[in-house]
């Protein structure tokens, strides 16, 4: 929660098991991943769990310690994630058959 008690959006987060290898950062189609003070972090306003780009979460696929995980405390659904992708990438067309891990 933010300081006023409102739930922040969060799709995927990086757990404390992160070894700072950086493998995830270049894989993110939204540039949501950056190096934090101790571990890599994901900007929740930019993460779409790769909905619109892949049928899997790219950061999770390359993480050697499997620390890129959907946040169970703040789940997001496909419509929210594709809407965020459309806003972030306003120049890109996302057809109805866009890639998504929810369609597996």
N, C-alpha and C. Protein backbone atom coordinates (compact mmCIF):
# COMPACT_ATOMS: atom_id res chain seq x y z
N UNK A 1 0.83 -1.19 0.00
CA UNK A 1 0.00 0.00 0.00
C UNK A 1 0.87 1.24 0.00
N UNK A 2 0.33 2.28 -0.61
CA UNK A 2 1.05 3.54 -0.58
C UNK A 2 0.79 4.23 0.75
N UNK A 3 1.43 5.37 1.02
CA UNK A 3 1.29 6.02 2.32
C UNK A 3 -0.14 6.37 2.73
N UNK A 4 -1.04 6.52 1.78
CA UNK A 4 -2.41 6.85 2.15
C UNK A 4 -3.31 5.61 2.20
N UNK A 5 -2.72 4.44 2.06
CA UNK A 5 -3.45 3.19 2.22
C UNK A 5 -4.14 2.67 0.97
N UNK A 6 -3.82 3.20 -0.18
CA UNK A 6 -4.41 2.74 -1.43
C UNK A 6 -3.52 1.66 -2.03
N UNK A 7 -4.14 0.62 -2.55
CA UNK A 7 -3.36 -0.44 -3.19
C UNK A 7 -2.69 0.10 -4.44
N UNK A 8 -1.41 -0.14 -4.55
CA UNK A 8 -0.67 0.24 -5.75
C UNK A 8 -0.81 -0.88 -6.77
N UNK A 9 -0.78 -0.55 -8.06
CA UNK A 9 -0.82 -1.62 -9.05
C UNK A 9 0.47 -2.42 -8.97
N UNK A 10 0.38 -3.68 -9.15
CA UNK A 10 1.59 -4.51 -9.15
C UNK A 10 1.27 -5.80 -9.87
N UNK A 11 1.99 -6.06 -10.88
CA UNK A 11 1.86 -7.31 -11.57
C UNK A 11 2.95 -8.24 -11.05
N UNK A 12 4.13 -8.14 -11.60
CA UNK A 12 5.25 -8.96 -11.18
C UNK A 12 6.16 -8.16 -10.27
N UNK A 13 6.77 -8.84 -9.32
CA UNK A 13 7.74 -8.19 -8.45
C UNK A 13 8.98 -9.09 -8.37
N UNK A 14 10.07 -8.54 -7.91
CA UNK A 14 11.32 -9.29 -7.76
C UNK A 14 11.53 -9.51 -6.27
N UNK A 15 11.71 -10.76 -5.90
CA UNK A 15 11.86 -11.11 -4.49
C UNK A 15 13.28 -10.87 -3.99
N UNK A 16 13.46 -11.00 -2.70
CA UNK A 16 14.77 -10.80 -2.06
C UNK A 16 15.81 -11.83 -2.49
N UNK A 17 15.38 -12.88 -3.18
CA UNK A 17 16.33 -13.89 -3.66
C UNK A 17 17.13 -13.42 -4.87
N UNK A 18 16.82 -12.24 -5.38
CA UNK A 18 17.52 -11.68 -6.54
C UNK A 18 19.03 -11.65 -6.28
N UNK A 19 19.80 -12.10 -7.28
CA UNK A 19 21.27 -12.12 -7.15
C UNK A 19 21.91 -11.00 -7.96
N UNK A 20 21.12 -10.05 -8.41
CA UNK A 20 21.62 -8.89 -9.16
C UNK A 20 22.37 -9.25 -10.43
N UNK A 21 21.94 -10.28 -11.11
CA UNK A 21 22.63 -10.68 -12.34
C UNK A 21 22.28 -9.77 -13.51
N UNK A 22 21.09 -9.15 -13.47
CA UNK A 22 20.69 -8.23 -14.53
C UNK A 22 20.10 -8.89 -15.76
N UNK A 23 19.91 -10.20 -15.74
CA UNK A 23 19.38 -10.90 -16.92
C UNK A 23 17.98 -10.42 -17.30
N UNK A 24 17.21 -10.01 -16.32
CA UNK A 24 15.82 -9.63 -16.56
C UNK A 24 15.66 -8.27 -17.23
N UNK A 25 16.52 -7.34 -16.90
CA UNK A 25 16.35 -5.95 -17.34
C UNK A 25 16.18 -5.78 -18.85
N UNK A 26 17.06 -6.33 -19.68
CA UNK A 26 16.89 -6.11 -21.12
C UNK A 26 15.73 -6.88 -21.74
N UNK A 27 15.16 -7.82 -21.02
CA UNK A 27 14.05 -8.62 -21.55
C UNK A 27 12.71 -7.92 -21.45
N UNK A 28 12.60 -6.91 -20.62
CA UNK A 28 11.31 -6.26 -20.37
C UNK A 28 10.91 -5.36 -21.55
N UNK A 29 9.76 -5.63 -22.19
CA UNK A 29 9.34 -4.81 -23.32
C UNK A 29 8.87 -3.41 -22.91
N UNK A 30 8.68 -3.20 -21.62
CA UNK A 30 8.18 -1.92 -21.12
C UNK A 30 9.24 -1.10 -20.39
N UNK A 31 10.45 -1.61 -20.33
CA UNK A 31 11.53 -0.97 -19.57
C UNK A 31 11.12 -0.70 -18.13
N UNK A 32 10.41 -1.67 -17.54
CA UNK A 32 9.92 -1.54 -16.18
C UNK A 32 10.94 -1.98 -15.13
N UNK A 33 11.99 -2.66 -15.56
CA UNK A 33 12.96 -3.22 -14.62
C UNK A 33 14.21 -2.34 -14.57
N UNK A 34 14.65 -2.07 -13.36
CA UNK A 34 15.88 -1.29 -13.19
C UNK A 34 16.63 -1.79 -11.96
N UNK A 35 17.88 -1.38 -11.88
CA UNK A 35 18.71 -1.79 -10.75
C UNK A 35 18.35 -0.93 -9.54
N UNK A 36 17.96 -1.59 -8.46
CA UNK A 36 17.65 -0.89 -7.22
C UNK A 36 18.90 -0.80 -6.35
N UNK A 37 18.71 -0.41 -5.12
CA UNK A 37 19.86 -0.27 -4.22
C UNK A 37 20.53 -1.61 -3.93
N UNK A 38 19.73 -2.65 -3.71
CA UNK A 38 20.30 -3.96 -3.39
C UNK A 38 19.93 -5.03 -4.41
N UNK A 39 18.75 -4.93 -4.98
CA UNK A 39 18.28 -5.89 -5.97
C UNK A 39 17.60 -5.13 -7.10
N UNK A 40 17.34 -5.83 -8.19
CA UNK A 40 16.59 -5.22 -9.28
C UNK A 40 15.15 -5.01 -8.83
N UNK A 41 14.50 -4.01 -9.39
CA UNK A 41 13.13 -3.69 -9.02
C UNK A 41 12.29 -3.52 -10.28
N UNK A 42 10.99 -3.68 -10.11
CA UNK A 42 10.05 -3.50 -11.21
C UNK A 42 9.12 -2.34 -10.89
N UNK A 43 9.01 -1.41 -11.82
CA UNK A 43 8.09 -0.29 -11.65
C UNK A 43 6.68 -0.83 -11.91
N UNK A 44 5.83 -0.84 -10.89
CA UNK A 44 4.50 -1.44 -11.05
C UNK A 44 3.61 -0.69 -12.04
N UNK A 45 3.92 0.55 -12.31
CA UNK A 45 3.10 1.30 -13.27
C UNK A 45 3.47 0.98 -14.71
N UNK A 46 4.57 0.25 -14.91
CA UNK A 46 5.01 -0.12 -16.25
C UNK A 46 4.91 -1.61 -16.54
N UNK A 47 4.78 -2.43 -15.51
CA UNK A 47 4.74 -3.88 -15.71
C UNK A 47 3.38 -4.32 -16.24
N UNK A 48 3.42 -5.13 -17.30
CA UNK A 48 2.21 -5.71 -17.88
C UNK A 48 2.27 -7.23 -17.88
N UNK A 49 3.20 -7.80 -17.12
CA UNK A 49 3.44 -9.25 -17.13
C UNK A 49 3.64 -9.75 -18.55
N UNK A 50 4.14 -8.87 -19.40
CA UNK A 50 4.42 -9.11 -20.82
C UNK A 50 3.17 -9.37 -21.65
N UNK A 51 1.99 -9.10 -21.08
CA UNK A 51 0.75 -9.20 -21.85
C UNK A 51 0.86 -8.23 -23.02
N UNK A 52 0.55 -8.74 -24.20
CA UNK A 52 0.66 -7.95 -25.42
C UNK A 52 1.96 -8.20 -26.17
N UNK A 53 2.91 -8.85 -25.51
CA UNK A 53 4.22 -9.09 -26.14
C UNK A 53 4.62 -10.56 -26.18
N UNK A 54 4.34 -11.30 -25.12
CA UNK A 54 4.74 -12.70 -25.03
C UNK A 54 3.65 -13.52 -24.37
N UNK A 55 3.71 -14.82 -24.55
CA UNK A 55 2.80 -15.74 -23.87
C UNK A 55 3.40 -16.19 -22.54
N UNK A 56 4.40 -15.49 -22.07
CA UNK A 56 5.08 -15.80 -20.82
C UNK A 56 5.67 -14.49 -20.30
N UNK A 57 6.08 -14.51 -19.05
CA UNK A 57 6.75 -13.34 -18.50
C UNK A 57 8.24 -13.45 -18.82
N UNK A 58 8.74 -12.55 -19.64
CA UNK A 58 10.12 -12.63 -20.12
C UNK A 58 11.13 -12.59 -18.98
N UNK A 59 10.90 -11.75 -17.99
CA UNK A 59 11.86 -11.66 -16.87
C UNK A 59 11.92 -12.99 -16.13
N UNK A 60 10.78 -13.60 -15.94
CA UNK A 60 10.71 -14.88 -15.24
C UNK A 60 11.42 -15.97 -16.04
N UNK A 61 11.28 -15.92 -17.35
CA UNK A 61 11.87 -16.94 -18.21
C UNK A 61 13.40 -16.94 -18.17
N UNK A 62 14.02 -15.79 -17.96
CA UNK A 62 15.48 -15.72 -17.97
C UNK A 62 16.11 -15.68 -16.58
N UNK A 63 15.31 -15.55 -15.54
CA UNK A 63 15.84 -15.43 -14.19
C UNK A 63 16.43 -16.76 -13.70
N UNK A 64 17.73 -16.77 -13.37
CA UNK A 64 18.35 -18.03 -12.95
C UNK A 64 17.93 -18.49 -11.55
N UNK A 65 17.37 -17.61 -10.75
CA UNK A 65 16.96 -18.01 -9.40
C UNK A 65 15.44 -17.91 -9.20
N UNK A 66 14.71 -17.68 -10.29
CA UNK A 66 13.26 -17.64 -10.28
C UNK A 66 12.69 -16.69 -9.23
N UNK A 67 13.18 -15.45 -9.25
CA UNK A 67 12.72 -14.47 -8.27
C UNK A 67 11.79 -13.42 -8.86
N UNK A 68 11.45 -13.53 -10.13
CA UNK A 68 10.50 -12.62 -10.76
C UNK A 68 9.15 -13.33 -10.76
N UNK A 69 8.27 -12.90 -9.86
CA UNK A 69 7.02 -13.60 -9.64
C UNK A 69 5.83 -12.65 -9.58
N UNK A 70 4.65 -13.10 -10.02
CA UNK A 70 3.47 -12.28 -9.81
C UNK A 70 3.25 -12.09 -8.31
N UNK A 71 2.90 -10.89 -7.92
CA UNK A 71 2.69 -10.59 -6.51
C UNK A 71 1.34 -11.15 -6.07
N UNK A 72 1.32 -12.16 -5.20
CA UNK A 72 0.05 -12.77 -4.79
C UNK A 72 -0.83 -11.83 -3.97
N UNK A 73 -0.25 -10.79 -3.41
CA UNK A 73 -1.01 -9.82 -2.63
C UNK A 73 -1.73 -8.80 -3.51
N UNK A 74 -1.26 -8.64 -4.74
CA UNK A 74 -1.84 -7.63 -5.64
C UNK A 74 -1.98 -8.19 -7.05
N UNK A 75 -2.82 -9.19 -7.22
CA UNK A 75 -2.97 -9.76 -8.57
C UNK A 75 -3.65 -8.78 -9.52
N UNK A 76 -3.26 -8.86 -10.77
CA UNK A 76 -3.90 -8.06 -11.80
C UNK A 76 -4.41 -8.99 -12.88
N UNK A 77 -5.45 -8.58 -13.54
CA UNK A 77 -6.07 -9.40 -14.57
C UNK A 77 -5.68 -8.92 -15.96
N UNK A 78 -5.86 -9.80 -16.93
CA UNK A 78 -5.45 -9.52 -18.30
C UNK A 78 -6.00 -8.20 -18.85
N UNK A 79 -7.28 -7.87 -18.66
CA UNK A 79 -7.78 -6.60 -19.21
C UNK A 79 -7.03 -5.37 -18.66
N UNK A 80 -6.68 -5.40 -17.41
CA UNK A 80 -5.93 -4.29 -16.81
C UNK A 80 -4.54 -4.21 -17.41
N UNK A 81 -3.90 -5.36 -17.59
CA UNK A 81 -2.53 -5.40 -18.11
C UNK A 81 -2.46 -4.98 -19.57
N UNK A 82 -3.41 -5.42 -20.41
CA UNK A 82 -3.36 -5.01 -21.82
C UNK A 82 -3.71 -3.53 -21.96
N UNK A 83 -4.57 -3.03 -21.12
CA UNK A 83 -4.87 -1.59 -21.15
C UNK A 83 -3.63 -0.78 -20.80
N UNK A 84 -2.88 -1.25 -19.82
CA UNK A 84 -1.63 -0.57 -19.45
C UNK A 84 -0.64 -0.62 -20.61
N UNK A 85 -0.53 -1.78 -21.27
CA UNK A 85 0.37 -1.91 -22.43
C UNK A 85 -0.03 -0.94 -23.53
N UNK A 86 -1.33 -0.81 -23.75
CA UNK A 86 -1.82 0.12 -24.79
C UNK A 86 -1.47 1.57 -24.44
N UNK A 87 -1.53 1.92 -23.18
CA UNK A 87 -1.18 3.29 -22.77
C UNK A 87 0.33 3.54 -22.88
N UNK A 88 1.12 2.56 -22.45
CA UNK A 88 2.58 2.71 -22.48
C UNK A 88 3.07 2.78 -23.92
N UNK A 89 2.50 1.97 -24.79
CA UNK A 89 2.93 1.85 -26.19
C UNK A 89 1.81 2.37 -27.10
N UNK A 90 1.49 3.63 -26.97
CA UNK A 90 0.36 4.21 -27.70
C UNK A 90 0.51 4.11 -29.22
N UNK A 91 1.71 3.98 -29.72
CA UNK A 91 1.93 3.88 -31.16
C UNK A 91 1.84 2.45 -31.69
N UNK A 92 1.68 1.48 -30.81
CA UNK A 92 1.62 0.07 -31.20
C UNK A 92 0.17 -0.40 -31.22
N UNK A 93 -0.16 -1.22 -32.20
CA UNK A 93 -1.50 -1.79 -32.29
C UNK A 93 -1.50 -3.16 -31.63
N UNK A 94 -2.40 -3.35 -30.69
CA UNK A 94 -2.58 -4.65 -30.05
C UNK A 94 -3.92 -5.21 -30.53
N UNK A 95 -3.87 -6.19 -31.42
CA UNK A 95 -5.09 -6.82 -31.92
C UNK A 95 -5.72 -7.67 -30.82
N UNK A 96 -6.91 -8.17 -31.06
CA UNK A 96 -7.60 -8.99 -30.07
C UNK A 96 -6.88 -10.30 -29.77
N UNK A 97 -6.00 -10.73 -30.66
CA UNK A 97 -5.28 -11.98 -30.44
C UNK A 97 -3.88 -11.74 -29.86
N UNK A 98 -3.72 -10.67 -29.08
CA UNK A 98 -2.41 -10.34 -28.49
C UNK A 98 -1.90 -11.48 -27.62
N UNK A 99 -0.57 -11.66 -27.55
CA UNK A 99 0.01 -12.70 -26.71
C UNK A 99 -0.25 -12.42 -25.23
N UNK A 100 -0.49 -13.49 -24.48
CA UNK A 100 -0.74 -13.34 -23.05
C UNK A 100 -0.58 -14.68 -22.35
N UNK A 101 0.01 -14.65 -21.16
CA UNK A 101 0.14 -15.87 -20.36
C UNK A 101 -1.22 -16.36 -19.90
N UNK A 102 -2.23 -15.50 -19.90
CA UNK A 102 -3.57 -15.87 -19.48
C UNK A 102 -4.29 -16.73 -20.50
N UNK A 103 -3.75 -16.79 -21.72
CA UNK A 103 -4.40 -17.53 -22.81
C UNK A 103 -3.83 -18.94 -22.99
N UNK A 104 -3.02 -19.36 -22.10
CA UNK A 104 -2.42 -20.70 -22.23
C UNK A 104 -3.44 -21.78 -21.98
